[in-house]
Amino acid sequence: MRKMLLVVSVLTYAALTAPTSAIAVQQGTEVTIDFSLHGEGVLDPLFFAEDGIIFAPQRCSPAGCVDQAVSGLIQGDAALVGDSVYGPIIARFTIPITSLSMQIAPAIQGTATYTLSAFKKSGKLLATQSLTVTQDEGDPDPGPDEGYFTLSLDSLHKASSFSLDAVWVRSSHEPEQEIMLYGVSSIEFTTVA
């Protein structure tokens, strides 16, 4: 299993660091990726390449591998779907960035911790932010009833990629639940000038 994960990790790294000819975004540009432009279904990892972002073709963990880019309807909005089992959503930028923000929402009631991280081209961690969110009517501290929240990273120095991960904490509705489904409806970033 470790050899398979190593091979998949190397292949994913190669896909994220490979050059692309679909660079249309310019330096010093504010870009918004809205997943409603794609609709529901499997998303080609290069769908937003002209906007400056390329998604990894797969997400892998000890549980196995799944297609990275699947979009669906989460809390009434088209979103890139992630989960807490198959590893983080990862992508690279065609031009380094200085800020990153995304709109995220859980697909089911419960509590999860979301972590957004940005990396240099070398893979070195530049910044990370974690947020624990509860959207659960039966929880003693239920949080907001529903809706998207924002995770942001600012003052990045030439970030080349990101990962977004979620760790399931609990649910009053599904106490045996071990997977957290969530969606990213939009990603905003500013390219280096």
Protein backbone atom coordinates (compact mmCIF):
# COMPACT_ATOMS: atom_id res chain seq x y z
CA MET A 1 0.00 0.00 0.00
CA ARG A 2 2.85 2.41 0.83
CA LYS A 3 4.45 1.76 -2.57
CA MET A 4 1.14 2.50 -4.30
CA LEU A 5 0.75 5.76 -2.35
CA LEU A 6 4.33 6.74 -3.16
CA VAL A 7 3.79 6.09 -6.88
CA VAL A 8 0.49 8.00 -6.84
CA SER A 9 2.11 10.87 -4.90
CA VAL A 10 4.96 11.06 -7.41
CA LEU A 11 2.53 10.99 -10.34
CA THR A 12 0.34 13.67 -8.74
CA TYR A 13 3.42 15.84 -8.06
CA ALA A 14 4.52 15.36 -11.69
CA ALA A 15 1.08 16.38 -12.94
CA LEU A 16 1.07 19.47 -10.73
CA THR A 17 4.57 20.57 -11.75
CA ALA A 18 4.33 19.78 -15.47
CA PRO A 19 4.33 22.81 -17.80
CA THR A 20 1.11 23.80 -19.52
CA SER A 21 0.52 25.64 -22.75
CA ALA A 22 -2.92 26.92 -21.70
CA ILE A 23 -1.75 30.04 -19.85
CA ALA A 24 -4.11 32.95 -20.55
CA VAL A 25 -4.19 34.65 -17.14
CA GLN A 26 -1.79 37.58 -16.78
CA GLN A 27 0.52 38.60 -13.97
CA GLY A 28 -0.99 40.94 -11.35
CA THR A 29 -4.53 39.70 -12.03
CA GLU A 30 -7.34 38.98 -9.57
CA VAL A 31 -9.05 35.75 -10.67
CA THR A 32 -12.29 34.13 -9.52
CA ILE A 33 -12.99 30.49 -10.33
CA ASP A 34 -16.73 29.77 -10.08
CA PHE A 35 -17.67 26.11 -10.32
CA SER A 36 -21.17 26.97 -11.59
CA LEU A 37 -19.44 27.60 -14.94
CA HIS A 38 -18.81 23.85 -15.18
CA GLY A 39 -22.00 22.42 -13.73
CA GLU A 40 -22.25 18.94 -12.22
CA GLY A 41 -20.11 15.92 -13.15
CA VAL A 42 -16.47 14.98 -13.61
CA LEU A 43 -14.34 18.08 -14.11
CA ASP A 44 -11.41 17.95 -16.50
CA PRO A 45 -8.38 18.98 -14.36
CA LEU A 46 -7.48 21.49 -17.12
CA PHE A 47 -10.98 23.06 -17.32
CA PHE A 48 -9.79 26.26 -15.59
CA ALA A 49 -6.20 26.20 -16.92
CA GLU A 50 -6.71 29.40 -18.94
CA ASP A 51 -7.83 31.03 -15.68
CA GLY A 52 -4.54 30.00 -14.07
CA ILE A 53 -5.38 26.88 -12.04
CA ILE A 54 -4.84 23.17 -12.76
CA PHE A 55 -6.27 20.49 -10.48
CA ALA A 56 -4.55 17.20 -9.70
CA PRO A 57 -6.14 14.34 -11.66
CA GLN A 58 -6.69 12.20 -8.54
CA ARG A 59 -6.85 12.35 -4.74
CA CYS A 60 -5.32 9.41 -2.93
CA SER A 61 -5.08 8.11 0.61
CA PRO A 62 -4.67 4.71 2.26
CA ALA A 63 -8.38 4.19 1.41
CA GLY A 64 -7.56 4.32 -2.33
CA CYS A 65 -7.82 6.88 -5.13
CA VAL A 66 -10.72 8.82 -6.64
CA ASP A 67 -11.10 11.32 -9.46
CA GLN A 68 -9.93 14.65 -8.09
CA ALA A 69 -12.28 16.96 -9.83
CA VAL A 70 -15.96 16.11 -9.44
CA SER A 71 -18.47 18.91 -9.15
CA GLY A 72 -21.92 18.66 -7.65
CA LEU A 73 -24.59 20.62 -5.86
CA ILE A 74 -23.69 21.48 -2.24
CA GLN A 75 -26.12 23.61 -0.23
CA GLY A 76 -27.77 24.83 -3.42
CA ASP A 77 -24.59 25.90 -5.22
CA ALA A 78 -22.41 24.17 -7.81
CA ALA A 79 -19.18 23.18 -6.08
CA LEU A 80 -16.03 21.12 -6.40
CA VAL A 81 -16.71 18.17 -4.09
CA GLY A 82 -14.18 16.97 -1.52
CA ASP A 83 -14.29 14.52 1.33
CA SER A 84 -12.35 13.62 4.45
CA VAL A 85 -11.40 10.11 3.27
CA TYR A 86 -9.47 10.39 -0.02
CA GLY A 87 -7.08 13.19 0.83
CA PRO A 88 -7.06 16.92 0.16
CA ILE A 89 -8.20 18.83 -2.90
CA ILE A 90 -4.96 19.98 -4.53
CA ALA A 91 -4.16 22.26 -7.43
CA ARG A 92 -1.34 24.32 -8.84
CA PHE A 93 -1.28 27.80 -10.32
CA THR A 94 0.15 28.55 -13.76
CA ILE A 95 1.53 31.85 -12.39
CA PRO A 96 2.56 32.18 -8.72
CA ILE A 97 0.03 33.90 -6.47
CA THR A 98 0.07 36.34 -3.56
CA SER A 99 -3.38 35.69 -2.02
CA LEU A 100 -5.90 32.85 -1.98
CA SER A 101 -9.48 32.61 -0.76
CA MET A 102 -12.21 30.02 -1.14
CA GLN A 103 -15.88 29.56 -0.29
CA ILE A 104 -16.49 26.20 1.44
CA ALA A 105 -19.59 24.45 2.82
CA PRO A 106 -20.28 21.06 4.36
CA ALA A 107 -22.63 18.75 2.49
CA ILE A 108 -23.96 17.09 5.65
CA GLN A 109 -24.73 18.27 9.17
CA GLY A 110 -21.86 17.94 11.58
CA THR A 111 -18.54 19.41 12.67
CA ALA A 112 -15.30 19.30 10.69
CA THR A 113 -11.94 21.05 10.71
CA TYR A 114 -10.91 22.50 7.35
CA THR A 115 -7.27 23.32 6.58
CA LEU A 116 -6.12 25.44 3.63
CA SER A 117 -2.37 25.39 2.89
CA ALA A 118 -0.26 27.15 0.25
CA PHE A 119 3.10 25.92 -1.00
CA LYS A 120 6.11 27.21 -2.93
CA LYS A 121 7.09 25.52 -6.19
CA SER A 122 9.66 23.51 -4.20
CA GLY A 123 6.84 22.10 -2.03
CA LYS A 124 7.81 24.15 1.02
CA LEU A 125 4.81 25.24 3.11
CA LEU A 126 4.24 29.01 2.94
CA ALA A 127 1.09 29.44 5.01
CA THR A 128 -1.79 27.49 6.46
CA GLN A 129 -5.13 28.29 8.10
CA SER A 130 -7.48 25.90 9.89
CA LEU A 131 -11.08 26.49 10.91
CA THR A 132 -13.46 24.20 12.77
CA VAL A 133 -17.02 24.67 11.53
CA THR A 134 -20.21 23.27 13.04
CA GLN A 135 -23.41 23.26 11.01
CA ASP A 136 -25.52 20.85 13.04
CA GLU A 137 -28.99 21.56 14.46
CA GLY A 138 -28.56 18.92 17.19
CA ASP A 139 -25.16 20.09 18.44
CA PRO A 140 -25.02 22.03 21.75
CA ASP A 141 -23.17 24.75 19.81
CA PRO A 142 -24.89 24.40 16.42
CA GLY A 143 -23.14 27.24 14.59
CA PRO A 144 -24.82 28.76 11.55
CA ASP A 145 -27.77 26.79 10.15
CA GLU A 146 -26.19 26.52 6.73
CA GLY A 147 -24.14 28.35 4.16
CA TYR A 148 -20.68 28.82 2.83
CA PHE A 149 -17.76 30.18 4.84
CA THR A 150 -14.43 31.61 3.74
CA LEU A 151 -10.88 30.39 4.27
CA SER A 152 -8.17 32.83 3.12
CA LEU A 153 -4.41 33.11 2.96
CA ASP A 154 -2.88 36.54 2.35
CA SER A 155 0.63 37.93 1.95
CA LEU A 156 1.83 34.82 0.18
CA HIS A 157 5.23 35.06 -1.47
CA LYS A 158 4.92 33.32 -4.83
CA ALA A 159 2.69 30.41 -3.84
CA SER A 160 2.52 27.82 -6.61
CA SER A 161 -0.01 25.32 -5.24
CA PHE A 162 -2.55 24.69 -2.50
CA SER A 163 -4.26 21.90 -0.63
CA LEU A 164 -7.62 21.94 1.14
CA ASP A 165 -8.28 19.16 3.61
CA ALA A 166 -11.13 18.33 6.00
CA VAL A 167 -11.10 16.21 9.13
CA TRP A 168 -14.42 14.88 10.40
CA VAL A 169 -15.08 15.66 14.08
CA ARG A 170 -18.67 14.69 14.96
CA SER A 171 -22.38 14.78 14.10
CA SER A 172 -25.46 14.66 16.29
CA HIS A 173 -27.45 13.21 13.36
CA GLU A 174 -25.00 10.52 12.27
CA PRO A 175 -22.82 9.58 15.28
CA GLU A 176 -21.23 6.70 13.34
CA GLN A 177 -20.45 8.91 10.35
CA GLU A 178 -16.76 8.83 9.43
CA ILE A 179 -16.69 10.82 6.20
CA MET A 180 -17.17 14.54 5.73
CA LEU A 181 -18.38 15.65 2.32
CA TYR A 182 -17.87 19.31 1.50
CA GLY A 183 -17.92 21.65 -1.46
CA VAL A 184 -15.88 24.58 -2.76
CA SER A 185 -18.13 26.92 -4.75
CA SER A 186 -15.43 29.42 -5.73
CA ILE A 187 -11.71 30.09 -5.49
CA GLU A 188 -10.24 33.59 -5.67
CA PHE A 189 -6.56 34.37 -6.07
CA THR A 190 -4.25 37.17 -7.13
CA THR A 191 -1.30 36.42 -9.37
CA VAL A 192 2.16 37.92 -8.74
CA ALA A 193 2.63 41.27 -10.50
